[in-house]
Amino acid sequence: MIQINLLPDVKQQLIAVRRTRNMVISMSIFVALVAGGVVLLLALLVGVQLGRDKLAQDTIKSEYAKLSEVKDLNNLVTIQNQLTKIDALHANKSVDSRIFAVLQVVNPAAPNTVKFTNVTITPEEKKLVLEGTADGGYSALEGLEKTIGNTKIEYTLDGQSTAQSDPLANEVIVTERSYGEDSDGKKVLSFKMEVTYQDQLFTNTAKSVRIVGPTQKIDVTDSRVRVPESLFGSPVKKENS
């Protein structure tokens, strides 16, 4: 069988070009539609964002107008801010009243009893400075130093049920000692002592605290009502070192 191509080469090339043109036009239309859809989507997103911004600004202005009508707003905001910090302040406060129980426990028994004339607590350095007088002289001062060294603190921490026990003092140093006269003209030993105390002694996180000495123990919750007046005295007039 014999086939004869009646279309000249020029006609065939024209048909191929038209086919290519139609394909390009179709692809261009498709790309244009896709690009238009993307542009439309972006426009919608921008419009939504602008609408949300406008709504948020209107809400802010409305709420600000309401707050502006509140009397003493600045004082109210300050008080609310302070109320949010009460729990943290309570947890970090120092329970300095425990010092009275400490002084009672570490004071040696007669005849080596001492009287304290000045007590200073330095929380930053965890130091306790004791100044006082001792009728018993150097033996009484030595007894005080040893008693402090053998005293312990028992406590439980928040959220725990097991009691812990630590030495009351990490270090005891006598910085001054000299004889002098008290208010009655009696010669007594005057001293100054620095005690580096245990971390939990004055913290509010330590509960059920007890000061346990060689001969006695005191629950610090009762210390405020059981502080004898004989524990404290007046400074002396120093004569010699």
Protein backbone atom coordinates (compact mmCIF):
# COMPACT_ATOMS: atom_id res chain seq x y z
CA MET A 1 0.00 0.00 0.00
CA ILE A 2 1.34 3.36 -1.02
CA GLN A 3 0.60 6.60 1.00
CA ILE A 4 1.14 9.99 -0.52
CA ASN A 5 1.60 13.10 1.76
CA LEU A 6 -0.41 15.82 0.06
CA LEU A 7 0.53 18.52 2.69
CA PRO A 8 3.60 20.48 1.82
CA ASP A 9 6.34 20.96 4.41
CA VAL A 10 5.36 24.58 4.98
CA LYS A 11 1.84 23.55 5.97
CA GLN A 12 3.17 20.98 8.42
CA GLN A 13 5.46 23.53 10.04
CA LEU A 14 2.51 25.94 10.42
CA ILE A 15 0.44 23.31 12.17
CA ALA A 16 3.34 22.53 14.55
CA VAL A 17 3.81 26.23 15.32
CA ARG A 18 0.08 26.65 16.02
CA ARG A 19 0.15 23.63 18.31
CA THR A 20 3.09 25.10 20.22
CA ARG A 21 1.39 28.51 20.39
CA ASN A 22 -1.81 27.00 21.80
CA MET A 23 0.20 25.10 24.41
CA VAL A 24 2.07 28.25 25.46
CA ILE A 25 -1.17 30.22 25.67
CA SER A 26 -2.77 27.51 27.79
CA MET A 27 0.19 27.38 30.16
CA SER A 28 0.24 31.18 30.37
CA ILE A 29 -3.44 31.26 31.26
CA PHE A 30 -2.92 28.57 33.93
CA VAL A 31 0.06 30.42 35.43
CA ALA A 32 -1.91 33.68 35.38
CA LEU A 33 -4.80 32.01 37.20
CA VAL A 34 -2.45 30.56 39.82
CA ALA A 35 -0.73 33.92 40.30
CA GLY A 36 -4.12 35.63 40.58
CA GLY A 37 -5.19 33.12 43.22
CA VAL A 38 -2.00 33.72 45.21
CA VAL A 39 -2.45 37.49 44.99
CA LEU A 40 -6.08 37.15 46.08
CA LEU A 41 -5.08 34.94 49.02
CA LEU A 42 -2.39 37.39 50.11
CA ALA A 43 -4.88 40.24 49.84
CA LEU A 44 -7.32 38.33 52.03
CA LEU A 45 -4.60 37.64 54.62
CA VAL A 46 -3.57 41.29 54.69
CA GLY A 47 -7.18 42.34 55.04
CA VAL A 48 -7.74 39.92 57.93
CA GLN A 49 -4.57 41.12 59.65
CA LEU A 50 -5.58 44.75 59.26
CA GLY A 51 -9.00 43.91 60.63
CA ARG A 52 -7.52 42.15 63.65
CA ASP A 53 -5.16 45.06 64.32
CA LYS A 54 -8.07 47.49 64.12
CA LEU A 55 -10.15 45.35 66.46
CA ALA A 56 -7.26 45.04 68.95
CA GLN A 57 -6.63 48.78 68.91
CA ASP A 58 -10.32 49.48 69.47
CA THR A 59 -10.34 47.00 72.40
CA ILE A 60 -7.24 48.61 73.93
CA LYS A 61 -8.75 52.07 73.63
CA SER A 62 -12.01 50.88 75.14
CA GLU A 63 -10.35 49.13 78.09
CA TYR A 64 -8.01 52.06 78.66
CA ALA A 65 -10.97 54.38 78.77
CA LYS A 66 -12.60 52.15 81.41
CA LEU A 67 -9.41 52.02 83.51
CA SER A 68 -8.96 55.76 83.25
CA GLU A 69 -12.30 56.20 84.98
CA VAL A 70 -11.14 54.18 88.03
CA LYS A 71 -10.28 56.40 90.99
CA ASP A 72 -6.71 56.09 92.42
CA LEU A 73 -5.71 53.62 89.70
CA ASN A 74 -1.97 54.02 90.33
CA ASN A 75 -2.35 53.13 94.02
CA LEU A 76 -4.54 50.13 93.15
CA VAL A 77 -2.02 48.74 90.65
CA THR A 78 0.82 49.21 93.15
CA ILE A 79 -1.07 47.32 95.87
CA GLN A 80 -1.89 44.44 93.52
CA ASN A 81 1.77 44.18 92.54
CA GLN A 82 2.77 44.04 96.19
CA LEU A 83 0.17 41.36 96.91
CA THR A 84 1.73 39.09 94.30
CA LYS A 85 5.05 39.27 96.17
CA ILE A 86 3.72 38.55 99.67
CA ASP A 87 4.30 34.78 99.48
CA ALA A 88 7.91 35.23 98.32
CA LEU A 89 8.60 37.82 101.01
CA HIS A 90 7.09 35.56 103.67
CA ALA A 91 9.20 32.61 102.54
CA ASN A 92 12.41 34.68 102.60
CA LYS A 93 11.84 36.56 105.86
CA SER A 94 14.21 36.01 108.76
CA VAL A 95 12.81 34.65 112.04
CA ASP A 96 15.12 36.62 114.32
CA SER A 97 13.11 35.79 117.47
CA ARG A 98 14.88 32.40 117.59
CA ILE A 99 17.91 34.22 118.96
CA PHE A 100 16.30 34.28 122.43
CA ALA A 101 16.10 30.49 122.54
CA VAL A 102 19.71 30.29 121.35
CA LEU A 103 20.94 32.59 124.14
CA GLN A 104 19.10 30.60 126.79
CA VAL A 105 20.45 27.25 125.61
CA VAL A 106 24.09 28.28 125.12
CA ASN A 107 24.33 30.16 128.43
CA PRO A 108 26.33 27.91 130.78
CA ALA A 109 24.92 26.87 134.14
CA ALA A 110 25.96 28.63 137.35
CA PRO A 111 28.57 29.58 138.44
CA ASN A 112 29.62 30.17 134.81
CA THR A 113 26.45 32.01 133.77
CA VAL A 114 27.04 35.07 131.58
CA LYS A 115 24.98 38.18 130.84
CA PHE A 116 24.66 39.51 127.32
CA THR A 117 24.91 43.27 126.82
CA ASN A 118 24.61 43.40 123.04
CA VAL A 119 23.58 40.88 120.37
CA THR A 120 24.00 41.58 116.64
CA ILE A 121 22.76 39.39 113.77
CA THR A 122 24.34 39.81 110.31
CA PRO A 123 22.31 37.65 107.86
CA GLU A 124 24.53 38.52 104.88
CA GLU A 125 27.57 36.96 106.56
CA LYS A 126 25.58 34.50 108.71
CA LYS A 127 27.34 35.86 111.78
CA LEU A 128 26.12 36.36 115.31
CA VAL A 129 28.10 38.81 117.47
CA LEU A 130 27.68 38.31 121.22
CA GLU A 131 28.89 40.90 123.70
CA GLY A 132 28.50 40.40 127.43
CA THR A 133 30.00 39.97 130.88
CA ALA A 134 30.96 36.93 132.92
CA ASP A 135 31.27 36.93 136.71
CA GLY A 136 33.16 33.64 136.50
CA GLY A 137 35.97 35.13 134.42
CA TYR A 138 37.82 33.19 131.76
CA SER A 139 36.41 29.81 132.84
CA ALA A 140 32.89 31.12 132.25
CA LEU A 141 33.87 32.44 128.81
CA GLU A 142 35.43 29.09 127.94
CA GLY A 143 32.27 27.34 129.13
CA LEU A 144 30.17 29.55 126.85
CA GLU A 145 32.43 28.83 123.90
CA LYS A 146 32.28 25.06 124.44
CA THR A 147 28.53 25.09 125.00
CA ILE A 148 27.97 26.86 121.67
CA GLY A 149 30.21 24.34 119.96
CA ASN A 150 28.15 21.43 121.37
CA THR A 151 24.72 22.93 120.62
CA LYS A 152 22.68 21.66 117.70
CA ILE A 153 19.64 22.85 115.75
CA GLU A 154 16.87 20.40 114.89
CA TYR A 155 14.33 21.29 112.19
CA THR A 156 12.18 20.06 109.32
CA LEU A 157 11.96 21.71 105.91
CA ASP A 158 8.76 22.62 104.07
CA GLY A 159 7.21 19.57 102.46
CA GLN A 160 9.35 17.12 104.46
CA SER A 161 8.48 15.06 107.51
CA THR A 162 11.94 13.84 108.49
CA ALA A 163 13.71 16.01 111.06
CA GLN A 164 17.28 17.12 110.40
CA SER A 165 20.00 18.02 112.87
CA ASP A 166 23.00 20.31 112.28
CA PRO A 167 25.56 22.01 114.52
CA LEU A 168 24.40 25.44 115.62
CA ALA A 169 27.75 27.07 114.86
CA ASN A 170 30.26 26.46 112.10
CA GLU A 171 32.87 28.63 113.84
CA VAL A 172 33.25 30.41 117.19
CA ILE A 173 35.88 33.14 117.67
CA VAL A 174 36.46 35.30 120.77
CA THR A 175 37.64 38.66 119.41
CA GLU A 176 37.84 40.66 122.66
CA ARG A 177 38.24 39.88 126.37
CA SER A 178 39.12 42.20 129.23
CA TYR A 179 38.29 42.90 132.88
CA GLY A 180 36.19 45.85 133.92
CA GLU A 181 33.57 47.07 136.38
CA ASP A 182 29.85 46.57 135.99
CA SER A 183 27.15 49.02 137.12
CA ASP A 184 27.54 47.81 140.73
CA GLY A 185 31.29 48.35 140.75
CA LYS A 186 32.01 44.63 140.61
CA LYS A 187 34.92 43.38 138.53
CA VAL A 188 33.76 41.10 135.72
CA LEU A 189 35.16 39.77 132.48
CA SER A 190 33.90 41.61 129.40
CA PHE A 191 33.97 39.71 126.11
CA LYS A 192 32.98 39.90 122.44
CA MET A 193 32.42 36.74 120.43
CA GLU A 194 31.67 36.06 116.74
CA VAL A 195 29.60 32.97 115.91
CA THR A 196 29.16 31.80 112.31
CA TYR A 197 25.77 30.10 112.56
CA GLN A 198 24.10 27.34 110.56
CA ASP A 199 22.15 28.35 107.42
CA GLN A 200 18.70 27.24 108.63
CA LEU A 201 18.83 28.95 112.03
CA PHE A 202 16.78 32.03 111.10
CA THR A 203 15.16 31.00 107.79
CA ASN A 204 11.38 30.72 107.54
CA THR A 205 11.64 27.55 105.46
CA ALA A 206 12.79 25.64 108.56
CA LYS A 207 9.84 24.46 110.65
CA SER A 208 9.51 22.87 114.11
CA VAL A 209 12.89 24.30 115.05
CA ARG A 210 14.46 23.27 118.36
CA ILE A 211 17.73 24.44 119.87
CA VAL A 212 19.35 21.47 121.57
CA GLY A 213 22.22 22.11 123.98
CA PRO A 214 24.35 19.76 126.09
CA THR A 215 21.98 20.10 129.08
CA GLN A 216 18.68 21.48 127.71
CA LYS A 217 16.54 21.93 124.62
CA ILE A 218 14.05 24.69 123.73
CA ASP A 219 11.29 24.83 121.15
CA VAL A 220 11.74 28.27 119.61
CA THR A 221 8.00 28.77 119.23
CA ASP A 222 7.93 29.35 123.01
CA SER A 223 11.06 31.48 123.19
CA ARG A 224 9.29 34.84 123.19
CA VAL A 225 7.43 34.15 126.45
CA ARG A 226 10.23 32.40 128.30
CA VAL A 227 13.15 34.85 128.09
CA PRO A 228 14.47 35.51 131.62
CA GLU A 229 15.51 39.05 132.46
CA SER A 230 18.69 37.73 134.08
CA LEU A 231 19.95 36.80 130.61
CA PHE A 232 20.83 40.42 129.81
CA GLY A 233 22.93 43.04 131.57
CA SER A 234 24.57 46.45 131.15
CA PRO A 235 27.96 47.11 129.52
CA VAL A 236 30.98 47.40 131.83
CA LYS A 237 33.63 50.04 132.22
CA LYS A 238 36.81 48.41 130.91
CA GLU A 239 40.02 48.72 132.93
CA ASN A 240 42.65 46.53 131.28
CA SER A 241 43.07 43.86 128.63
